[in-house]
Amino acid sequence: MNMQQLMQQAQRMQEQMQKQMEKAQAELANTELKGEAGAGLVKVTMTGRHDVKRVEIDDSLLKEDKEMLEDLIAAAVNDAVRKVEAHSQSAMGSVTQGLNLPPGMKLPF
């Protein structure tokens, strides 16, 4: 294989990878994950873009003190963020899985 063929193959691989990454990013953006706190008394639904779509608060908490409720909401948001990040890493990892990239090398280049 000459150098020109090698470069063309690399270009095709890069284009294919870009399409796969764009598809995975679009799917992630539409994914909704739910974070929880207080044994499910507070739930936050977040998209893969980190947009909060919904906050659910159990009625029993409305009688509690404001500071505790604020802490539970913050904890539920943080839980949702962690779940979105883990899901994103997993989804993007599956896109790059067959490439045999050197350790530490990340895409896009």
PDB file of N, CA and C in Angstrom:
ATOM      1  N   MET A   1       0.860  -1.178   0.000  1.00  0.00           N
ATOM      2  CA  MET A   1       0.000   0.000   0.000  1.00  0.00           C
ATOM      3  C   MET A   1       0.900   1.233   0.000  1.00  0.00           C
ATOM      4  N   ASN A   2       0.673   2.140  -0.952  1.00  0.00           N
ATOM      5  CA  ASN A   2       1.511   3.331  -1.003  1.00  0.00           C
ATOM      6  C   ASN A   2       0.960   4.408  -0.069  1.00  0.00           C
ATOM      7  N   MET A   3       1.714   5.462   0.063  1.00  0.00           N
ATOM      8  CA  MET A   3       1.371   6.528   1.017  1.00  0.00           C
ATOM      9  C   MET A   3       0.040   7.189   0.668  1.00  0.00           C
ATOM     10  N   GLN A   4      -0.234   7.399  -0.615  1.00  0.00           N
ATOM     11  CA  GLN A   4      -1.478   8.046  -1.029  1.00  0.00           C
ATOM     12  C   GLN A   4      -2.681   7.173  -0.660  1.00  0.00           C
ATOM     13  N   GLN A   5      -2.579   5.880  -0.872  1.00  0.00           N
ATOM     14  CA  GLN A   5      -3.666   4.972  -0.506  1.00  0.00           C
ATOM     15  C   GLN A   5      -3.892   4.968   1.009  1.00  0.00           C
ATOM     16  N   LEU A   6      -2.801   4.993   1.737  1.00  0.00           N
ATOM     17  CA  LEU A   6      -2.880   5.019   3.190  1.00  0.00           C
ATOM     18  C   LEU A   6      -3.580   6.292   3.673  1.00  0.00           C
ATOM     19  N   MET A   7      -3.248   7.411   3.066  1.00  0.00           N
ATOM     20  CA  MET A   7      -3.877   8.689   3.440  1.00  0.00           C
ATOM     21  C   MET A   7      -5.364   8.686   3.078  1.00  0.00           C
ATOM     22  N   GLN A   8      -5.707   8.118   1.925  1.00  0.00           N
ATOM     23  CA  GLN A   8      -7.115   8.031   1.532  1.00  0.00           C
ATOM     24  C   GLN A   8      -7.894   7.143   2.493  1.00  0.00           C
ATOM     25  N   GLN A   9      -7.303   6.048   2.902  1.00  0.00           N
ATOM     26  CA  GLN A   9      -7.954   5.153   3.854  1.00  0.00           C
ATOM     27  C   GLN A   9      -8.145   5.859   5.192  1.00  0.00           C
ATOM     28  N   ALA A  10      -7.144   6.587   5.619  1.00  0.00           N
ATOM     29  CA  ALA A  10      -7.245   7.332   6.874  1.00  0.00           C
ATOM     30  C   ALA A  10      -8.351   8.381   6.785  1.00  0.00           C
ATOM     31  N   GLN A  11      -8.462   9.044   5.650  1.00  0.00           N
ATOM     32  CA  GLN A  11      -9.504  10.052   5.437  1.00  0.00           C
ATOM     33  C   GLN A  11     -10.890   9.409   5.520  1.00  0.00           C
ATOM     34  N   ARG A  12     -11.051   8.254   4.872  1.00  0.00           N
ATOM     35  CA  ARG A  12     -12.345   7.551   4.907  1.00  0.00           C
ATOM     36  C   ARG A  12     -12.689   7.135   6.330  1.00  0.00           C
ATOM     37  N   MET A  13     -11.703   6.644   7.058  1.00  0.00           N
ATOM     38  CA  MET A  13     -11.934   6.241   8.448  1.00  0.00           C
ATOM     39  C   MET A  13     -12.342   7.442   9.293  1.00  0.00           C
ATOM     40  N   GLN A  14     -11.686   8.567   9.074  1.00  0.00           N
ATOM     41  CA  GLN A  14     -12.006   9.775   9.827  1.00  0.00           C
ATOM     42  C   GLN A  14     -13.431  10.239   9.513  1.00  0.00           C
ATOM     43  N   GLU A  15     -13.837  10.203   8.259  1.00  0.00           N
ATOM     44  CA  GLU A  15     -15.186  10.603   7.880  1.00  0.00           C
ATOM     45  C   GLU A  15     -16.225   9.672   8.498  1.00  0.00           C
ATOM     46  N   GLN A  16     -15.932   8.368   8.470  1.00  0.00           N
ATOM     47  CA  GLN A  16     -16.846   7.395   9.058  1.00  0.00           C
ATOM     48  C   GLN A  16     -16.955   7.613  10.570  1.00  0.00           C
ATOM     49  N   MET A  17     -15.830   7.852  11.207  1.00  0.00           N
ATOM     50  CA  MET A  17     -15.821   8.090  12.651  1.00  0.00           C
ATOM     51  C   MET A  17     -16.611   9.354  12.991  1.00  0.00           C
ATOM     52  N   GLN A  18     -16.453  10.394  12.187  1.00  0.00           N
ATOM     53  CA  GLN A  18     -17.173  11.645  12.425  1.00  0.00           C
ATOM     54  C   GLN A  18     -18.679  11.415  12.346  1.00  0.00           C
ATOM     55  N   LYS A  19     -19.127  10.641  11.359  1.00  0.00           N
ATOM     56  CA  LYS A  19     -20.554  10.342  11.224  1.00  0.00           C
ATOM     57  C   LYS A  19     -21.059   9.557  12.423  1.00  0.00           C
ATOM     58  N   GLN A  20     -20.283   8.580  12.859  1.00  0.00           N
ATOM     59  CA  GLN A  20     -20.683   7.780  14.016  1.00  0.00           C
ATOM     60  C   GLN A  20     -20.755   8.633  15.280  1.00  0.00           C
ATOM     61  N   MET A  21     -19.784   9.533  15.439  1.00  0.00           N
ATOM     62  CA  MET A  21     -19.785  10.392  16.622  1.00  0.00           C
ATOM     63  C   MET A  21     -20.965  11.355  16.606  1.00  0.00           C
ATOM     64  N   GLU A  22     -21.274  11.912  15.442  1.00  0.00           N
ATOM     65  CA  GLU A  22     -22.416  12.818  15.334  1.00  0.00           C
ATOM     66  C   GLU A  22     -23.715  12.089  15.657  1.00  0.00           C
ATOM     67  N   LYS A  23     -23.842  10.865  15.187  1.00  0.00           N
ATOM     68  CA  LYS A  23     -25.034  10.064  15.479  1.00  0.00           C
ATOM     69  C   LYS A  23     -25.124   9.780  16.984  1.00  0.00           C
ATOM     70  N   ALA A  24     -24.012   9.388  17.583  1.00  0.00           N
ATOM     71  CA  ALA A  24     -24.002   9.098  19.019  1.00  0.00           C
ATOM     72  C   ALA A  24     -24.325  10.354  19.832  1.00  0.00           C
ATOM     73  N   GLN A  25     -23.791  11.507  19.428  1.00  0.00           N
ATOM     74  CA  GLN A  25     -24.069  12.750  20.140  1.00  0.00           C
ATOM     75  C   GLN A  25     -25.537  13.134  20.033  1.00  0.00           C
ATOM     76  N   ALA A  26     -26.131  12.928  18.864  1.00  0.00           N
ATOM     77  CA  ALA A  26     -27.553  13.229  18.689  1.00  0.00           C
ATOM     78  C   ALA A  26     -28.409  12.312  19.567  1.00  0.00           C
ATOM     79  N   GLU A  27     -28.040  11.041  19.616  1.00  0.00           N
ATOM     80  CA  GLU A  27     -28.777  10.106  20.470  1.00  0.00           C
ATOM     81  C   GLU A  27     -28.629  10.484  21.933  1.00  0.00           C
ATOM     82  N   LEU A  28     -27.418  10.873  22.338  1.00  0.00           N
ATOM     83  CA  LEU A  28     -27.199  11.290  23.724  1.00  0.00           C
ATOM     84  C   LEU A  28     -28.018  12.524  24.080  1.00  0.00           C
ATOM     85  N   ALA A  29     -28.088  13.457  23.161  1.00  0.00           N
ATOM     86  CA  ALA A  29     -28.824  14.697  23.421  1.00  0.00           C
ATOM     87  C   ALA A  29     -30.290  14.411  23.705  1.00  0.00           C
ATOM     88  N   ASN A  30     -30.837  13.377  23.084  1.00  0.00           N
ATOM     89  CA  ASN A  30     -32.244  13.051  23.271  1.00  0.00           C
ATOM     90  C   ASN A  30     -32.500  12.069  24.408  1.00  0.00           C
ATOM     91  N   THR A  31     -31.449  11.554  24.991  1.00  0.00           N
ATOM     92  CA  THR A  31     -31.588  10.623  26.104  1.00  0.00           C
ATOM     93  C   THR A  31     -31.963  11.384  27.371  1.00  0.00           C
ATOM     94  N   GLU A  32     -32.877  10.822  28.147  1.00  0.00           N
ATOM     95  CA  GLU A  32     -33.237  11.407  29.435  1.00  0.00           C
ATOM     96  C   GLU A  32     -32.848  10.439  30.540  1.00  0.00           C
ATOM     97  N   LEU A  33     -32.174  10.966  31.554  1.00  0.00           N
ATOM     98  CA  LEU A  33     -31.764  10.177  32.709  1.00  0.00           C
ATOM     99  C   LEU A  33     -32.306  10.844  33.962  1.00  0.00           C
ATOM    100  N   LYS A  34     -32.564  10.027  34.979  1.00  0.00           N
ATOM    101  CA  LYS A  34     -33.176  10.551  36.196  1.00  0.00           C
ATOM    102  C   LYS A  34     -32.210  10.428  37.369  1.00  0.00           C
ATOM    103  N   GLY A  35     -31.976  11.556  38.048  1.00  0.00           N
ATOM    104  CA  GLY A  35     -31.199  11.563  39.278  1.00  0.00           C
ATOM    105  C   GLY A  35     -32.161  11.617  40.454  1.00  0.00           C
ATOM    106  N   GLU A  36     -31.744  11.044  41.573  1.00  0.00           N
ATOM    107  CA  GLU A  36     -32.615  10.995  42.745  1.00  0.00           C
ATOM    108  C   GLU A  36     -31.844  11.347  44.009  1.00  0.00           C
ATOM    109  N   ALA A  37     -32.611  11.790  45.001  1.00  0.00           N
ATOM    110  CA  ALA A  37     -32.051  12.046  46.332  1.00  0.00           C
ATOM    111  C   ALA A  37     -33.146  11.773  47.352  1.00  0.00           C
ATOM    112  N   GLY A  38     -32.720  11.565  48.588  1.00  0.00           N
ATOM    113  CA  GLY A  38     -33.685  11.323  49.660  1.00  0.00           C
ATOM    114  C   GLY A  38     -34.520  10.089  49.410  1.00  0.00           C
ATOM    115  N   ALA A  39     -33.875   9.011  48.986  1.00  0.00           N
ATOM    116  CA  ALA A  39     -34.552   7.743  48.709  1.00  0.00           C
ATOM    117  C   ALA A  39     -35.686   7.918  47.704  1.00  0.00           C
ATOM    118  N   GLY A  40     -35.458   8.775  46.713  1.00  0.00           N
ATOM    119  CA  GLY A  40     -36.436   8.967  45.651  1.00  0.00           C
ATOM    120  C   GLY A  40     -37.484  10.024  45.932  1.00  0.00           C
ATOM    121  N   LEU A  41     -37.336  10.750  47.045  1.00  0.00           N
ATOM    122  CA  LEU A  41     -38.310  11.801  47.356  1.00  0.00           C
ATOM    123  C   LEU A  41     -38.149  13.013  46.446  1.00  0.00           C
ATOM    124  N   VAL A  42     -36.943  13.201  45.925  1.00  0.00           N
ATOM    125  CA  VAL A  42     -36.694  14.260  44.950  1.00  0.00           C
ATOM    126  C   VAL A  42     -36.070  13.599  43.727  1.00  0.00           C
ATOM    127  N   LYS A  43     -36.653  13.891  42.549  1.00  0.00           N
ATOM    128  CA  LYS A  43     -36.159  13.316  41.297  1.00  0.00           C
ATOM    129  C   LYS A  43     -35.974  14.435  40.287  1.00  0.00           C
ATOM    130  N   VAL A  44     -34.875  14.355  39.553  1.00  0.00           N
ATOM    131  CA  VAL A  44     -34.573  15.336  38.513  1.00  0.00           C
ATOM    132  C   VAL A  44     -34.324  14.573  37.220  1.00  0.00           C
ATOM    133  N   THR A  45     -35.057  14.928  36.183  1.00  0.00           N
ATOM    134  CA  THR A  45     -34.866  14.325  34.866  1.00  0.00           C
ATOM    135  C   THR A  45     -34.055  15.293  34.024  1.00  0.00           C
ATOM    136  N   MET A  46     -32.953  14.771  33.440  1.00  0.00           N
ATOM    137  CA  MET A  46     -32.010  15.598  32.700  1.00  0.00           C
ATOM    138  C   MET A  46     -31.715  14.937  31.354  1.00  0.00           C
ATOM    139  N   THR A  47     -31.516  15.758  30.334  1.00  0.00           N
ATOM    140  CA  THR A  47     -31.143  15.233  29.019  1.00  0.00           C
ATOM    141  C   THR A  47     -29.635  15.045  28.946  1.00  0.00           C
ATOM    142  N   GLY A  48     -29.206  14.394  27.877  1.00  0.00           N
ATOM    143  CA  GLY A  48     -27.776  14.214  27.632  1.00  0.00           C
ATOM    144  C   GLY A  48     -27.050  15.526  27.412  1.00  0.00           C
ATOM    145  N   ARG A  49     -27.786  16.601  27.164  1.00  0.00           N
ATOM    146  CA  ARG A  49     -27.197  17.937  27.029  1.00  0.00           C
ATOM    147  C   ARG A  49     -27.168  18.680  28.360  1.00  0.00           C
ATOM    148  N   HIS A  50     -27.506  17.998  29.426  1.00  0.00           N
ATOM    149  CA  HIS A  50     -27.541  18.561  30.768  1.00  0.00           C
ATOM    150  C   HIS A  50     -28.676  19.570  30.961  1.00  0.00           C
ATOM    151  N   ASP A  51     -29.719  19.482  30.141  1.00  0.00           N
ATOM    152  CA  ASP A  51     -30.894  20.328  30.339  1.00  0.00           C
ATOM    153  C   ASP A  51     -31.822  19.623  31.322  1.00  0.00           C
ATOM    154  N   VAL A  52     -32.238  20.328  32.362  1.00  0.00           N
ATOM    155  CA  VAL A  52     -33.180  19.753  33.317  1.00  0.00           C
ATOM    156  C   VAL A  52     -34.571  19.846  32.708  1.00  0.00           C
ATOM    157  N   LYS A  53     -35.211  18.698  32.545  1.00  0.00           N
ATOM    158  CA  LYS A  53     -36.539  18.642  31.934  1.00  0.00           C
ATOM    159  C   LYS A  53     -37.655  18.655  32.976  1.00  0.00           C
ATOM    160  N   ARG A  54     -37.366  18.076  34.148  1.00  0.00           N
ATOM    161  CA  ARG A  54     -38.422  17.921  35.135  1.00  0.00           C
ATOM    162  C   ARG A  54     -37.816  17.781  36.524  1.00  0.00           C
ATOM    163  N   VAL A  55     -38.494  18.367  37.491  1.00  0.00           N
ATOM    164  CA  VAL A  55     -38.135  18.204  38.902  1.00  0.00           C
ATOM    165  C   VAL A  55     -39.383  17.704  39.617  1.00  0.00           C
ATOM    166  N   GLU A  56     -39.253  16.575  40.303  1.00  0.00           N
ATOM    167  CA  GLU A  56     -40.375  16.003  41.042  1.00  0.00           C
ATOM    168  C   GLU A  56     -40.036  16.019  42.524  1.00  0.00           C
ATOM    169  N   ILE A  57     -40.945  16.569  43.327  1.00  0.00           N
ATOM    170  CA  ILE A  57     -40.742  16.651  44.772  1.00  0.00           C
ATOM    171  C   ILE A  57     -41.936  15.987  45.440  1.00  0.00           C
ATOM    172  N   ASP A  58     -41.656  15.001  46.268  1.00  0.00           N
ATOM    173  CA  ASP A  58     -42.717  14.323  46.997  1.00  0.00           C
ATOM    174  C   ASP A  58     -43.429  15.326  47.909  1.00  0.00           C
ATOM    175  N   ASP A  59     -44.742  15.238  47.961  1.00  0.00           N
ATOM    176  CA  ASP A  59     -45.538  16.173  48.760  1.00  0.00           C
ATOM    177  C   ASP A  59     -45.111  16.218  50.229  1.00  0.00           C
ATOM    178  N   SER A  60     -44.632  15.095  50.746  1.00  0.00           N
ATOM    179  CA  SER A  60     -44.249  15.055  52.158  1.00  0.00           C
ATOM    180  C   SER A  60     -43.103  16.016  52.463  1.00  0.00           C
ATOM    181  N   LEU A  61     -42.297  16.348  51.475  1.00  0.00           N
ATOM    182  CA  LEU A  61     -41.165  17.252  51.696  1.00  0.00           C
ATOM    183  C   LEU A  61     -41.579  18.717  51.769  1.00  0.00           C
ATOM    184  N   LEU A  62     -42.753  19.030  51.291  1.00  0.00           N
ATOM    185  CA  LEU A  62     -43.193  20.422  51.288  1.00  0.00           C
ATOM    186  C   LEU A  62     -43.433  20.947  52.702  1.00  0.00           C
ATOM    187  N   LYS A  63     -43.516  20.045  53.666  1.00  0.00           N
ATOM    188  CA  LYS A  63     -43.689  20.437  55.069  1.00  0.00           C
ATOM    189  C   LYS A  63     -42.346  20.557  55.793  1.00  0.00           C
ATOM    190  N   GLU A  64     -41.269  20.157  55.126  1.00  0.00           N
ATOM    191  CA  GLU A  64     -39.934  20.192  55.736  1.00  0.00           C
ATOM    192  C   GLU A  64     -39.311  21.572  55.589  1.00  0.00           C
ATOM    193  N   ASP A  65     -38.162  21.741  56.242  1.00  0.00           N
ATOM    194  CA  ASP A  65     -37.525  23.052  56.172  1.00  0.00           C
ATOM    195  C   ASP A  65     -36.894  23.282  54.795  1.00  0.00           C
ATOM    196  N   LYS A  66     -36.854  24.537  54.413  1.00  0.00           N
ATOM    197  CA  LYS A  66     -36.419  24.960  53.090  1.00  0.00           C
ATOM    198  C   LYS A  66     -34.991  24.501  52.778  1.00  0.00           C
ATOM    199  N   GLU A  67     -34.097  24.615  53.736  1.00  0.00           N
ATOM    200  CA  GLU A  67     -32.692  24.263  53.512  1.00  0.00           C
ATOM    201  C   GLU A  67     -32.529  22.782  53.173  1.00  0.00           C
ATOM    202  N   MET A  68     -33.272  21.928  53.860  1.00  0.00           N
ATOM    203  CA  MET A  68     -33.187  20.498  53.577  1.00  0.00           C
ATOM    204  C   MET A  68     -33.700  20.208  52.166  1.00  0.00           C
ATOM    205  N   LEU A  69     -34.786  20.845  51.779  1.00  0.00           N
ATOM    206  CA  LEU A  69     -35.331  20.655  50.443  1.00  0.00           C
ATOM    207  C   LEU A  69     -34.339  21.121  49.376  1.00  0.00           C
ATOM    208  N   GLU A  70     -33.697  22.256  49.603  1.00  0.00           N
ATOM    209  CA  GLU A  70     -32.687  22.762  48.666  1.00  0.00           C
ATOM    210  C   GLU A  70     -31.522  21.784  48.531  1.00  0.00           C
ATOM    211  N   ASP A  71     -31.088  21.217  49.658  1.00  0.00           N
ATOM    212  CA  ASP A  71     -29.996  20.241  49.631  1.00  0.00           C
ATOM    213  C   ASP A  71     -30.379  18.993  48.841  1.00  0.00           C
ATOM    214  N   LEU A  72     -31.607  18.529  49.016  1.00  0.00           N
ATOM    215  CA  LEU A  72     -32.064  17.346  48.290  1.00  0.00           C
ATOM    216  C   LEU A  72     -32.157  17.617  46.785  1.00  0.00           C
ATOM    217  N   ILE A  73     -32.611  18.803  46.420  1.00  0.00           N
ATOM    218  CA  ILE A  73     -32.683  19.157  44.999  1.00  0.00           C
ATOM    219  C   ILE A  73     -31.277  19.203  44.404  1.00  0.00           C
ATOM    220  N   ALA A  74     -30.345  19.826  45.115  1.00  0.00           N
ATOM    221  CA  ALA A  74     -28.966  19.891  44.636  1.00  0.00           C
ATOM    222  C   ALA A  74     -28.379  18.490  44.499  1.00  0.00           C
ATOM    223  N   ALA A  75     -28.644  17.630  45.460  1.00  0.00           N
ATOM    224  CA  ALA A  75     -28.125  16.260  45.406  1.00  0.00           C
ATOM    225  C   ALA A  75     -28.726  15.492  44.228  1.00  0.00           C
ATOM    226  N   ALA A  76     -30.003  15.698  43.960  1.00  0.00           N
ATOM    227  CA  ALA A  76     -30.645  15.014  42.831  1.00  0.00           C
ATOM    228  C   ALA A  76     -30.083  15.519  41.504  1.00  0.00           C
ATOM    229  N   VAL A  77     -29.837  16.807  41.385  1.00  0.00           N
ATOM    230  CA  VAL A  77     -29.232  17.357  40.168  1.00  0.00           C
ATOM    231  C   VAL A  77     -27.832  16.774  39.990  1.00  0.00           C
ATOM    232  N   ASN A  78     -27.048  16.740  41.048  1.00  0.00           N
ATOM    233  CA  ASN A  78     -25.692  16.181  40.961  1.00  0.00           C
ATOM    234  C   ASN A  78     -25.725  14.708  40.568  1.00  0.00           C
ATOM    235  N   ASP A  79     -26.682  13.964  41.088  1.00  0.00           N
ATOM    236  CA  ASP A  79     -26.829  12.558  40.730  1.00  0.00           C
ATOM    237  C   ASP A  79     -27.156  12.423  39.246  1.00  0.00           C
ATOM    238  N   ALA A  80     -28.041  13.270  38.753  1.00  0.00           N
ATOM    239  CA  ALA A  80     -28.394  13.242  37.328  1.00  0.00           C
ATOM    240  C   ALA A  80     -27.183  13.577  36.460  1.00  0.00           C
ATOM    241  N   VAL A  81     -26.401  14.567  36.858  1.00  0.00           N
ATOM    242  CA  VAL A  81     -25.203  14.949  36.097  1.00  0.00           C
ATOM    243  C   VAL A  81     -24.232  13.769  36.031  1.00  0.00           C
ATOM    244  N   ARG A  82     -24.006  13.100  37.144  1.00  0.00           N
ATOM    245  CA  ARG A  82     -23.100  11.940  37.155  1.00  0.00           C
ATOM    246  C   ARG A  82     -23.603  10.840  36.226  1.00  0.00           C
ATOM    247  N   LYS A  83     -24.907  10.608  36.226  1.00  0.00           N
ATOM    248  CA  LYS A  83     -25.471   9.578  35.361  1.00  0.00           C
ATOM    249  C   LYS A  83     -25.339   9.961  33.887  1.00  0.00           C
ATOM    250  N   VAL A  84     -25.563  11.222  33.562  1.00  0.00           N
ATOM    251  CA  VAL A  84     -25.411  11.683  32.176  1.00  0.00           C
ATOM    252  C   VAL A  84     -23.962  11.520  31.731  1.00  0.00           C
ATOM    253  N   GLU A  85     -23.015  11.917  32.579  1.00  0.00           N
ATOM    254  CA  GLU A  85     -21.594  11.798  32.229  1.00  0.00           C
ATOM    255  C   GLU A  85     -21.190  10.337  32.019  1.00  0.00           C
ATOM    256  N   ALA A  86     -21.638   9.457  32.903  1.00  0.00           N
ATOM    257  CA  ALA A  86     -21.310   8.034  32.771  1.00  0.00           C
ATOM    258  C   ALA A  86     -21.916   7.459  31.493  1.00  0.00           C
ATOM    259  N   HIS A  87     -23.143   7.841  31.211  1.00  0.00           N
ATOM    260  CA  HIS A  87     -23.808   7.359  29.999  1.00  0.00           C
ATOM    261  C   HIS A  87     -23.087   7.879  28.752  1.00  0.00           C
ATOM    262  N   SER A  88     -22.676   9.132  28.778  1.00  0.00           N
ATOM    263  CA  SER A  88     -21.955   9.728  27.641  1.00  0.00           C
ATOM    264  C   SER A  88     -20.636   9.010  27.397  1.00  0.00           C
ATOM    265  N   GLN A  89     -19.885   8.771  28.449  1.00  0.00           N
ATOM    266  CA  GLN A  89     -18.602   8.082  28.301  1.00  0.00           C
ATOM    267  C   GLN A  89     -18.795   6.678  27.749  1.00  0.00           C
ATOM    268  N   SER A  90     -19.811   6.003  28.225  1.00  0.00           N
ATOM    269  CA  SER A  90     -20.093   4.654  27.752  1.00  0.00           C
ATOM    270  C   SER A  90     -20.481   4.662  26.279  1.00  0.00           C
ATOM    271  N   ALA A  91     -21.344   5.581  25.886  1.00  0.00           N
ATOM    272  CA  ALA A  91     -21.802   5.653  24.496  1.00  0.00           C
ATOM    273  C   ALA A  91     -20.663   6.021  23.560  1.00  0.00           C
ATOM    274  N   MET A  92     -19.855   6.988  23.942  1.00  0.00           N
ATOM    275  CA  MET A  92     -18.739   7.401  23.091  1.00  0.00           C
ATOM    276  C   MET A  92     -17.659   6.324  23.059  1.00  0.00           C
ATOM    277  N   GLY A  93     -17.500   5.609  24.141  1.00  0.00           N
ATOM    278  CA  GLY A  93     -16.534   4.515  24.179  1.00  0.00           C
ATOM    279  C   GLY A  93     -16.891   3.422  23.196  1.00  0.00           C
ATOM    280  N   SER A  94     -18.194   3.176  23.041  1.00  0.00           N
ATOM    281  CA  SER A  94     -18.604   2.143  22.090  1.00  0.00           C
ATOM    282  C   SER A  94     -18.347   2.574  20.655  1.00  0.00           C
ATOM    283  N   VAL A  95     -18.357   3.874  20.381  1.00  0.00           N
ATOM    284  CA  VAL A  95     -18.071   4.373  19.028  1.00  0.00           C
ATOM    285  C   VAL A  95     -16.611   4.152  18.682  1.00  0.00           C
ATOM    286  N   THR A  96     -15.720   4.375  19.626  1.00  0.00           N
ATOM    287  CA  THR A  96     -14.273   4.294  19.358  1.00  0.00           C
ATOM    288  C   THR A  96     -13.679   2.923  19.685  1.00  0.00           C
ATOM    289  N   GLN A  97     -14.501   2.003  20.114  1.00  0.00           N
ATOM    290  CA  GLN A  97     -14.029   0.708  20.615  1.00  0.00           C
ATOM    291  C   GLN A  97     -13.166  -0.067  19.622  1.00  0.00           C
ATOM    292  N   GLY A  98     -13.531  -0.132  18.368  1.00  0.00           N
ATOM    293  CA  GLY A  98     -12.797  -0.955  17.417  1.00  0.00           C
ATOM    294  C   GLY A  98     -11.613  -0.276  16.757  1.00  0.00           C
ATOM    295  N   LEU A  99     -11.264   0.919  17.210  1.00  0.00           N
ATOM    296  CA  LEU A  99     -10.204   1.665  16.534  1.00  0.00           C
ATOM    297  C   LEU A  99      -8.799   1.330  16.996  1.00  0.00           C
ATOM    298  N   ASN A 100      -8.660   0.700  18.148  1.00  0.00           N
ATOM    299  CA  ASN A 100      -7.343   0.382  18.706  1.00  0.00           C
ATOM    300  C   ASN A 100      -6.473   1.627  18.837  1.00  0.00           C
ATOM    301  N   LEU A 101      -7.048   2.670  19.425  1.00  0.00           N
ATOM    302  CA  LEU A 101      -6.287   3.903  19.642  1.00  0.00           C
ATOM    303  C   LEU A 101      -5.297   3.718  20.776  1.00  0.00           C
ATOM    304  N   PRO A 102      -4.166   4.413  20.726  1.00  0.00           N
ATOM    305  CA  PRO A 102      -3.206   4.335  21.815  1.00  0.00           C
ATOM    306  C   PRO A 102      -3.828   4.864  23.119  1.00  0.00           C
ATOM    307  N   PRO A 103      -3.406   4.363  24.272  1.00  0.00           N
ATOM    308  CA  PRO A 103      -3.934   4.835  25.543  1.00  0.00           C
ATOM    309  C   PRO A 103      -3.781   6.347  25.682  1.00  0.00           C
ATOM    310  N   GLY A 104      -4.835   6.993  26.139  1.00  0.00           N
ATOM    311  CA  GLY A 104      -4.794   8.447  26.354  1.00  0.00           C
ATOM    312  C   GLY A 104      -5.199   9.245  25.136  1.00  0.00           C
ATOM    313  N   MET A 105      -5.271   8.646  23.982  1.00  0.00           N
ATOM    314  CA  MET A 105      -5.651   9.368  22.765  1.00  0.00           C
ATOM    315  C   MET A 105      -7.164   9.469  22.734  1.00  0.00           C
ATOM    316  N   LYS A 106      -7.662  10.692  22.542  1.00  0.00           N
ATOM    317  CA  LYS A 106      -9.097  10.918  22.554  1.00  0.00           C
ATOM    318  C   LYS A 106      -9.558  11.504  21.231  1.00  0.00           C
ATOM    319  N   LEU A 107     -10.818  11.266  20.935  1.00  0.00           N
ATOM    320  CA  LEU A 107     -11.426  11.808  19.737  1.00  0.00           C
ATOM    321  C   LEU A 107     -12.444  12.856  20.127  1.00  0.00           C
ATOM    322  N   PRO A 108     -12.772  13.829  19.286  1.00  0.00           N
ATOM    323  CA  PRO A 108     -12.148  14.052  17.991  1.00  0.00           C
ATOM    324  C   PRO A 108     -10.724  14.572  18.172  1.00  0.00           C
ATOM    325  N   PHE A 109      -9.910  14.368  17.146  1.00  0.00           N
ATOM    326  CA  PHE A 109      -8.481  14.721  17.185  1.00  0.00           C
ATOM    327  C   PHE A 109      -8.301  16.194  17.304  1.00  0.00           C
TER     328      PHE A 109
END
